[in-house]
């Protein structure tokens, strides 16, 4: 993983790096590896994740077909909000 630092702006590069790591699942994997997970717990977790993925896929399919209402969109924030 590589992040370019532009104009000596290390803070922005660090934010970009954290976002990339979050997207890749690095933090989740680090947390999972911090303690031993019993094989039975691993199977239960993986099965729950599969069920969650299947339900999400089914929900999206039903929304596309018009059987469920589309999710409400969050209002857009102002351009200056959150910027420091």
PDB file of N, CA and C in Angstrom:
ATOM      1  N   UNK A   1       0.860  -1.169   0.000  1.00  0.00           N
ATOM      2  CA  UNK A   1       0.000   0.000   0.000  1.00  0.00           C
ATOM      3  C   UNK A   1       0.907   1.233   0.000  1.00  0.00           C
ATOM      4  N   UNK A   2       0.548   2.200  -0.810  1.00  0.00           N
ATOM      5  CA  UNK A   2       1.409   3.358  -0.975  1.00  0.00           C
ATOM      6  C   UNK A   2       0.568   4.629  -0.976  1.00  0.00           C
ATOM      7  N   UNK A   3       1.082   5.645  -0.269  1.00  0.00           N
ATOM      8  CA  UNK A   3       0.416   6.945  -0.218  1.00  0.00           C
ATOM      9  C   UNK A   3       1.450   8.014  -0.507  1.00  0.00           C
ATOM     10  N   UNK A   4       1.117   8.923  -1.392  1.00  0.00           N
ATOM     11  CA  UNK A   4       2.031  10.005  -1.728  1.00  0.00           C
ATOM     12  C   UNK A   4       1.795  11.192  -0.793  1.00  0.00           C
ATOM     13  N   UNK A   5       2.889  11.794  -0.328  1.00  0.00           N
ATOM     14  CA  UNK A   5       2.802  12.986   0.513  1.00  0.00           C
ATOM     15  C   UNK A   5       3.042  14.190  -0.382  1.00  0.00           C
ATOM     16  N   UNK A   6       2.039  15.027  -0.488  1.00  0.00           N
ATOM     17  CA  UNK A   6       2.150  16.212  -1.353  1.00  0.00           C
ATOM     18  C   UNK A   6       2.352  17.457  -0.503  1.00  0.00           C
ATOM     19  N   UNK A   7       3.261  18.289  -0.910  1.00  0.00           N
ATOM     20  CA  UNK A   7       3.543  19.578  -0.246  1.00  0.00           C
ATOM     21  C   UNK A   7       3.814  19.402   1.245  1.00  0.00           C
ATOM     22  N   UNK A   8       4.504  18.335   1.613  1.00  0.00           N
ATOM     23  CA  UNK A   8       4.833  18.048   3.020  1.00  0.00           C
ATOM     24  C   UNK A   8       3.600  17.993   3.917  1.00  0.00           C
ATOM     25  N   UNK A   9       2.443  17.637   3.360  1.00  0.00           N
ATOM     26  CA  UNK A   9       1.204  17.555   4.131  1.00  0.00           C
ATOM     27  C   UNK A   9       1.052  16.123   4.636  1.00  0.00           C
ATOM     28  N   UNK A  10       1.725  15.843   5.759  1.00  0.00           N
ATOM     29  CA  UNK A  10       1.731  14.494   6.319  1.00  0.00           C
ATOM     30  C   UNK A  10       0.362  14.140   6.905  1.00  0.00           C
ATOM     31  N   UNK A  11      -0.331  15.116   7.481  1.00  0.00           N
ATOM     32  CA  UNK A  11      -1.628  14.846   8.093  1.00  0.00           C
ATOM     33  C   UNK A  11      -2.619  14.321   7.056  1.00  0.00           C
ATOM     34  N   UNK A  12      -2.646  14.955   5.887  1.00  0.00           N
ATOM     35  CA  UNK A  12      -3.565  14.521   4.843  1.00  0.00           C
ATOM     36  C   UNK A  12      -3.174  13.131   4.337  1.00  0.00           C
ATOM     37  N   UNK A  13      -1.882  12.883   4.184  1.00  0.00           N
ATOM     38  CA  UNK A  13      -1.419  11.574   3.729  1.00  0.00           C
ATOM     39  C   UNK A  13      -1.791  10.494   4.740  1.00  0.00           C
ATOM     40  N   UNK A  14      -1.711  10.820   6.028  1.00  0.00           N
ATOM     41  CA  UNK A  14      -2.077   9.868   7.072  1.00  0.00           C
ATOM     42  C   UNK A  14      -3.569   9.545   7.015  1.00  0.00           C
ATOM     43  N   UNK A  15      -4.400  10.569   6.775  1.00  0.00           N
ATOM     44  CA  UNK A  15      -5.843  10.342   6.636  1.00  0.00           C
ATOM     45  C   UNK A  15      -6.138   9.433   5.456  1.00  0.00           C
ATOM     46  N   UNK A  16      -5.444   9.666   4.338  1.00  0.00           N
ATOM     47  CA  UNK A  16      -5.643   8.846   3.139  1.00  0.00           C
ATOM     48  C   UNK A  16      -5.219   7.407   3.421  1.00  0.00           C
ATOM     49  N   UNK A  17      -4.093   7.242   4.120  1.00  0.00           N
ATOM     50  CA  UNK A  17      -3.606   5.906   4.457  1.00  0.00           C
ATOM     51  C   UNK A  17      -4.603   5.172   5.339  1.00  0.00           C
ATOM     52  N   UNK A  18      -5.127   5.846   6.360  1.00  0.00           N
ATOM     53  CA  UNK A  18      -6.099   5.216   7.257  1.00  0.00           C
ATOM     54  C   UNK A  18      -7.354   4.802   6.501  1.00  0.00           C
ATOM     55  N   UNK A  19      -7.796   5.650   5.569  1.00  0.00           N
ATOM     56  CA  UNK A  19      -8.992   5.333   4.774  1.00  0.00           C
ATOM     57  C   UNK A  19      -8.745   4.101   3.912  1.00  0.00           C
ATOM     58  N   UNK A  20      -7.549   4.026   3.300  1.00  0.00           N
ATOM     59  CA  UNK A  20      -7.215   2.869   2.472  1.00  0.00           C
ATOM     60  C   UNK A  20      -7.153   1.597   3.319  1.00  0.00           C
ATOM     61  N   UNK A  21      -6.549   1.709   4.499  1.00  0.00           N
ATOM     62  CA  UNK A  21      -6.439   0.544   5.373  1.00  0.00           C
ATOM     63  C   UNK A  21      -7.822   0.089   5.840  1.00  0.00           C
ATOM     64  N   UNK A  22      -8.700   1.033   6.127  1.00  0.00           N
ATOM     65  CA  UNK A  22     -10.063   0.709   6.543  1.00  0.00           C
ATOM     66  C   UNK A  22     -10.779  -0.036   5.418  1.00  0.00           C
ATOM     67  N   UNK A  23     -10.635   0.456   4.192  1.00  0.00           N
ATOM     68  CA  UNK A  23     -11.292  -0.156   3.042  1.00  0.00           C
ATOM     69  C   UNK A  23     -10.782  -1.576   2.794  1.00  0.00           C
ATOM     70  N   UNK A  24      -9.488  -1.807   3.027  1.00  0.00           N
ATOM     71  CA  UNK A  24      -8.892  -3.121   2.801  1.00  0.00           C
ATOM     72  C   UNK A  24      -9.186  -4.092   3.941  1.00  0.00           C
ATOM     73  N   UNK A  25      -9.678  -3.595   5.070  1.00  0.00           N
ATOM     74  CA  UNK A  25      -9.997  -4.483   6.194  1.00  0.00           C
ATOM     75  C   UNK A  25      -8.806  -4.794   7.077  1.00  0.00           C
ATOM     76  N   UNK A  26      -7.783  -3.961   7.038  1.00  0.00           N
ATOM     77  CA  UNK A  26      -6.575  -4.206   7.832  1.00  0.00           C
ATOM     78  C   UNK A  26      -6.878  -4.085   9.322  1.00  0.00           C
ATOM     79  N   UNK A  27      -7.659  -3.073   9.711  1.00  0.00           N
ATOM     80  CA  UNK A  27      -7.951  -2.867  11.125  1.00  0.00           C
ATOM     81  C   UNK A  27      -8.776  -4.024  11.678  1.00  0.00           C
ATOM     82  N   UNK A  28      -9.734  -4.523  10.882  1.00  0.00           N
ATOM     83  CA  UNK A  28     -10.565  -5.638  11.321  1.00  0.00           C
ATOM     84  C   UNK A  28      -9.718  -6.887  11.513  1.00  0.00           C
ATOM     85  N   UNK A  29      -8.761  -7.103  10.595  1.00  0.00           N
ATOM     86  CA  UNK A  29      -7.899  -8.272  10.690  1.00  0.00           C
ATOM     87  C   UNK A  29      -6.966  -8.161  11.896  1.00  0.00           C
ATOM     88  N   UNK A  30      -6.444  -6.965  12.162  1.00  0.00           N
ATOM     89  CA  UNK A  30      -5.569  -6.775  13.325  1.00  0.00           C
ATOM     90  C   UNK A  30      -6.335  -7.082  14.614  1.00  0.00           C
ATOM     91  N   UNK A  31      -7.567  -6.626  14.678  1.00  0.00           N
ATOM     92  CA  UNK A  31      -8.387  -6.884  15.870  1.00  0.00           C
ATOM     93  C   UNK A  31      -8.650  -8.379  16.014  1.00  0.00           C
ATOM     94  N   UNK A  32      -8.923  -9.044  14.901  1.00  0.00           N
ATOM     95  CA  UNK A  32      -9.210 -10.477  14.943  1.00  0.00           C
ATOM     96  C   UNK A  32      -7.980 -11.267  15.378  1.00  0.00           C
ATOM     97  N   UNK A  33      -6.812 -10.835  14.963  1.00  0.00           N
ATOM     98  CA  UNK A  33      -5.581 -11.560  15.294  1.00  0.00           C
ATOM     99  C   UNK A  33      -5.043 -11.220  16.680  1.00  0.00           C
ATOM    100  N   UNK A  34      -5.631 -10.243  17.332  1.00  0.00           N
ATOM    101  CA  UNK A  34      -5.109  -9.845  18.640  1.00  0.00           C
ATOM    102  C   UNK A  34      -5.398 -10.894  19.707  1.00  0.00           C
ATOM    103  N   UNK A  35      -6.411 -11.724  19.484  1.00  0.00           N
ATOM    104  CA  UNK A  35      -6.747 -12.768  20.459  1.00  0.00           C
ATOM    105  C   UNK A  35      -7.113 -14.031  19.699  1.00  0.00           C
ATOM    106  N   UNK A  36      -6.936 -15.170  20.346  1.00  0.00           N
ATOM    107  CA  UNK A  36      -7.250 -16.452  19.719  1.00  0.00           C
ATOM    108  C   UNK A  36      -8.754 -16.599  19.544  1.00  0.00           C
ATOM    109  N   UNK A  37      -9.135 -17.134  18.393  1.00  0.00           N
ATOM    110  CA  UNK A  37     -10.551 -17.387  18.121  1.00  0.00           C
ATOM    111  C   UNK A  37     -10.726 -18.893  17.964  1.00  0.00           C
ATOM    112  N   UNK A  38     -11.587 -19.465  18.787  1.00  0.00           N
ATOM    113  CA  UNK A  38     -11.824 -20.898  18.721  1.00  0.00           C
ATOM    114  C   UNK A  38     -12.428 -21.253  17.360  1.00  0.00           C
ATOM    115  N   UNK A  39     -12.125 -22.448  16.862  1.00  0.00           N
ATOM    116  CA  UNK A  39     -12.679 -22.848  15.562  1.00  0.00           C
ATOM    117  C   UNK A  39     -14.204 -22.789  15.524  1.00  0.00           C
ATOM    118  N   UNK A  40     -14.861 -23.141  16.617  1.00  0.00           N
ATOM    119  CA  UNK A  40     -16.332 -23.088  16.629  1.00  0.00           C
ATOM    120  C   UNK A  40     -16.817 -21.641  16.544  1.00  0.00           C
ATOM    121  N   UNK A  41     -16.114 -20.726  17.204  1.00  0.00           N
ATOM    122  CA  UNK A  41     -16.486 -19.309  17.136  1.00  0.00           C
ATOM    123  C   UNK A  41     -16.239 -18.764  15.730  1.00  0.00           C
ATOM    124  N   UNK A  42     -15.148 -19.224  15.102  1.00  0.00           N
ATOM    125  CA  UNK A  42     -14.831 -18.781  13.749  1.00  0.00           C
ATOM    126  C   UNK A  42     -15.916 -19.238  12.777  1.00  0.00           C
ATOM    127  N   UNK A  43     -16.351 -20.504  12.891  1.00  0.00           N
ATOM    128  CA  UNK A  43     -17.408 -21.012  12.021  1.00  0.00           C
ATOM    129  C   UNK A  43     -18.690 -20.225  12.218  1.00  0.00           C
ATOM    130  N   UNK A  44     -19.039 -19.941  13.470  1.00  0.00           N
ATOM    131  CA  UNK A  44     -20.274 -19.193  13.758  1.00  0.00           C
ATOM    132  C   UNK A  44     -20.190 -17.780  13.190  1.00  0.00           C
ATOM    133  N   UNK A  45     -19.034 -17.135  13.334  1.00  0.00           N
ATOM    134  CA  UNK A  45     -18.861 -15.776  12.818  1.00  0.00           C
ATOM    135  C   UNK A  45     -18.945 -15.759  11.296  1.00  0.00           C
ATOM    136  N   UNK A  46     -18.257 -16.708  10.658  1.00  0.00           N
ATOM    137  CA  UNK A  46     -18.277 -16.750   9.197  1.00  0.00           C
ATOM    138  C   UNK A  46     -19.677 -17.044   8.667  1.00  0.00           C
ATOM    139  N   UNK A  47     -20.425 -17.910   9.358  1.00  0.00           N
ATOM    140  CA  UNK A  47     -21.790 -18.217   8.931  1.00  0.00           C
ATOM    141  C   UNK A  47     -22.673 -16.976   9.077  1.00  0.00           C
ATOM    142  N   UNK A  48     -22.511 -16.251  10.185  1.00  0.00           N
ATOM    143  CA  UNK A  48     -23.296 -15.030  10.392  1.00  0.00           C
ATOM    144  C   UNK A  48     -22.966 -13.992   9.320  1.00  0.00           C
ATOM    145  N   UNK A  49     -21.683 -13.875   8.960  1.00  0.00           N
ATOM    146  CA  UNK A  49     -21.288 -12.932   7.911  1.00  0.00           C
ATOM    147  C   UNK A  49     -21.904 -13.324   6.573  1.00  0.00           C
ATOM    148  N   UNK A  50     -21.936 -14.627   6.278  1.00  0.00           N
ATOM    149  CA  UNK A  50     -22.524 -15.098   5.017  1.00  0.00           C
ATOM    150  C   UNK A  50     -24.016 -14.790   4.978  1.00  0.00           C
ATOM    151  N   UNK A  51     -24.704 -15.008   6.092  1.00  0.00           N
ATOM    152  CA  UNK A  51     -26.144 -14.719   6.169  1.00  0.00           C
ATOM    153  C   UNK A  51     -26.375 -13.231   5.960  1.00  0.00           C
ATOM    154  N   UNK A  52     -25.532 -12.397   6.574  1.00  0.00           N
ATOM    155  CA  UNK A  52     -25.659 -10.951   6.436  1.00  0.00           C
ATOM    156  C   UNK A  52     -25.468 -10.522   4.979  1.00  0.00           C
ATOM    157  N   UNK A  53     -24.449 -11.101   4.322  1.00  0.00           N
ATOM    158  CA  UNK A  53     -24.209 -10.783   2.910  1.00  0.00           C
ATOM    159  C   UNK A  53     -25.385 -11.206   2.049  1.00  0.00           C
ATOM    160  N   UNK A  54     -25.928 -12.403   2.304  1.00  0.00           N
ATOM    161  CA  UNK A  54     -27.055 -12.908   1.510  1.00  0.00           C
ATOM    162  C   UNK A  54     -28.280 -12.020   1.683  1.00  0.00           C
ATOM    163  N   UNK A  55     -28.572 -11.638   2.921  1.00  0.00           N
ATOM    164  CA  UNK A  55     -29.737 -10.781   3.172  1.00  0.00           C
ATOM    165  C   UNK A  55     -29.570  -9.410   2.527  1.00  0.00           C
ATOM    166  N   UNK A  56     -28.360  -8.880   2.563  1.00  0.00           N
ATOM    167  CA  UNK A  56     -28.108  -7.578   1.947  1.00  0.00           C
ATOM    168  C   UNK A  56     -28.321  -7.669   0.439  1.00  0.00           C
ATOM    169  N   UNK A  57     -27.805  -8.750  -0.172  1.00  0.00           N
ATOM    170  CA  UNK A  57     -27.970  -8.946  -1.602  1.00  0.00           C
ATOM    171  C   UNK A  57     -29.448  -9.085  -1.960  1.00  0.00           C
ATOM    172  N   UNK A  58     -30.191  -9.867  -1.177  1.00  0.00           N
ATOM    173  CA  UNK A  58     -31.618 -10.054  -1.432  1.00  0.00           C
ATOM    174  C   UNK A  58     -32.378  -8.734  -1.281  1.00  0.00           C
ATOM    175  N   UNK A  59     -32.004  -7.944  -0.261  1.00  0.00           N
ATOM    176  CA  UNK A  59     -32.658  -6.649  -0.043  1.00  0.00           C
ATOM    177  C   UNK A  59     -32.423  -5.715  -1.228  1.00  0.00           C
ATOM    178  N   UNK A  60     -31.174  -5.671  -1.720  1.00  0.00           N
ATOM    179  CA  UNK A  60     -30.861  -4.815  -2.872  1.00  0.00           C
ATOM    180  C   UNK A  60     -31.620  -5.276  -4.113  1.00  0.00           C
ATOM    181  N   UNK A  61     -31.721  -6.597  -4.301  1.00  0.00           N
ATOM    182  CA  UNK A  61     -32.439  -7.126  -5.454  1.00  0.00           C
ATOM    183  C   UNK A  61     -33.913  -6.736  -5.393  1.00  0.00           C
ATOM    184  N   UNK A  62     -34.514  -6.847  -4.210  1.00  0.00           N
ATOM    185  CA  UNK A  62     -35.923  -6.489  -4.056  1.00  0.00           C
ATOM    186  C   UNK A  62     -36.141  -5.000  -4.274  1.00  0.00           C
ATOM    187  N   UNK A  63     -35.177  -4.176  -3.875  1.00  0.00           N
ATOM    188  CA  UNK A  63     -35.291  -2.732  -4.098  1.00  0.00           C
ATOM    189  C   UNK A  63     -35.220  -2.416  -5.586  1.00  0.00           C
ATOM    190  N   UNK A  64     -34.330  -3.115  -6.300  1.00  0.00           N
ATOM    191  CA  UNK A  64     -34.230  -2.895  -7.746  1.00  0.00           C
ATOM    192  C   UNK A  64     -35.520  -3.290  -8.454  1.00  0.00           C
ATOM    193  N   UNK A  65     -36.164  -4.353  -7.966  1.00  0.00           N
ATOM    194  CA  UNK A  65     -37.402  -4.837  -8.582  1.00  0.00           C
ATOM    195  C   UNK A  65     -38.612  -4.025  -8.149  1.00  0.00           C
ATOM    196  N   UNK A  66     -38.425  -3.127  -7.191  1.00  0.00           N
ATOM    197  CA  UNK A  66     -39.520  -2.273  -6.752  1.00  0.00           C
ATOM    198  C   UNK A  66     -40.400  -2.888  -5.688  1.00  0.00           C
ATOM    199  N   UNK A  67     -39.991  -4.005  -5.116  1.00  0.00           N
ATOM    200  CA  UNK A  67     -40.786  -4.650  -4.075  1.00  0.00           C
ATOM    201  C   UNK A  67     -40.573  -4.005  -2.707  1.00  0.00           C
ATOM    202  N   UNK A  68     -39.444  -3.344  -2.544  1.00  0.00           N
ATOM    203  CA  UNK A  68     -39.129  -2.619  -1.309  1.00  0.00           C
ATOM    204  C   UNK A  68     -38.819  -1.173  -1.676  1.00  0.00           C
ATOM    205  N   UNK A  69     -39.155  -0.228  -0.797  1.00  0.00           N
ATOM    206  CA  UNK A  69     -38.790   1.162  -1.098  1.00  0.00           C
ATOM    207  C   UNK A  69     -37.279   1.342  -1.015  1.00  0.00           C
ATOM    208  N   UNK A  70     -36.766   2.233  -1.830  1.00  0.00           N
ATOM    209  CA  UNK A  70     -35.338   2.527  -1.827  1.00  0.00           C
ATOM    210  C   UNK A  70     -34.970   3.193  -0.510  1.00  0.00           C
ATOM    211  N   UNK A  71     -33.736   3.003  -0.040  1.00  0.00           N
ATOM    212  CA  UNK A  71     -33.332   3.643   1.215  1.00  0.00           C
ATOM    213  C   UNK A  71     -33.330   5.153   1.086  1.00  0.00           C
ATOM    214  N   UNK A  72     -33.618   5.824   2.194  1.00  0.00           N
ATOM    215  CA  UNK A  72     -33.624   7.282   2.186  1.00  0.00           C
ATOM    216  C   UNK A  72     -32.197   7.787   2.088  1.00  0.00           C
ATOM    217  N   UNK A  73     -31.994   8.775   1.240  1.00  0.00           N
ATOM    218  CA  UNK A  73     -30.652   9.328   1.058  1.00  0.00           C
ATOM    219  C   UNK A  73     -30.395  10.367   2.137  1.00  0.00           C
ATOM    220  N   UNK A  74     -29.180  10.347   2.661  1.00  0.00           N
ATOM    221  CA  UNK A  74     -28.786  11.315   3.680  1.00  0.00           C
ATOM    222  C   UNK A  74     -28.641  12.687   3.042  1.00  0.00           C
ATOM    223  N   UNK A  75     -29.047  13.745   3.729  1.00  0.00           N
ATOM    224  CA  UNK A  75     -28.897  15.085   3.158  1.00  0.00           C
ATOM    225  C   UNK A  75     -27.423  15.424   3.003  1.00  0.00           C
ATOM    226  N   UNK A  76     -27.095  16.122   1.937  1.00  0.00           N
ATOM    227  CA  UNK A  76     -25.701  16.489   1.688  1.00  0.00           C
ATOM    228  C   UNK A  76     -25.271  17.558   2.675  1.00  0.00           C
ATOM    229  N   UNK A  77     -24.040  17.410   3.144  1.00  0.00           N
ATOM    230  CA  UNK A  77     -23.497  18.415   4.068  1.00  0.00           C
ATOM    231  C   UNK A  77     -22.993  19.616   3.294  1.00  0.00           C
ATOM    232  N   UNK A  78     -22.904  20.722   3.993  1.00  0.00           N
ATOM    233  CA  UNK A  78     -22.372  21.937   3.365  1.00  0.00           C
ATOM    234  C   UNK A  78     -20.903  21.717   3.040  1.00  0.00           C
ATOM    235  N   UNK A  79     -20.406  22.406   2.019  1.00  0.00           N
ATOM    236  CA  UNK A  79     -19.040  22.201   1.553  1.00  0.00           C
ATOM    237  C   UNK A  79     -18.017  22.559   2.639  1.00  0.00           C
ATOM    238  N   UNK A  80     -18.302  23.559   3.439  1.00  0.00           N
ATOM    239  CA  UNK A  80     -17.341  23.993   4.460  1.00  0.00           C
ATOM    240  C   UNK A  80     -17.455  23.231   5.771  1.00  0.00           C
ATOM    241  N   UNK A  81     -18.497  22.439   5.934  1.00  0.00           N
ATOM    242  CA  UNK A  81     -18.704  21.735   7.194  1.00  0.00           C
ATOM    243  C   UNK A  81     -17.641  20.654   7.383  1.00  0.00           C
ATOM    244  N   UNK A  82     -17.064  20.625   8.531  1.00  0.00           N
ATOM    245  CA  UNK A  82     -16.062  19.619   8.858  1.00  0.00           C
ATOM    246  C   UNK A  82     -14.664  19.985   8.409  1.00  0.00           C
ATOM    247  N   UNK A  83     -14.518  20.912   7.521  1.00  0.00           N
ATOM    248  CA  UNK A  83     -13.186  21.325   7.064  1.00  0.00           C
ATOM    249  C   UNK A  83     -12.562  22.240   8.105  1.00  0.00           C
ATOM    250  N   UNK A  84     -11.293  22.008   8.319  1.00  0.00           N
ATOM    251  CA  UNK A  84     -10.608  22.833   9.329  1.00  0.00           C
ATOM    252  C   UNK A  84      -9.713  23.820   8.672  1.00  0.00           C
TER     253      UNK A  84
END
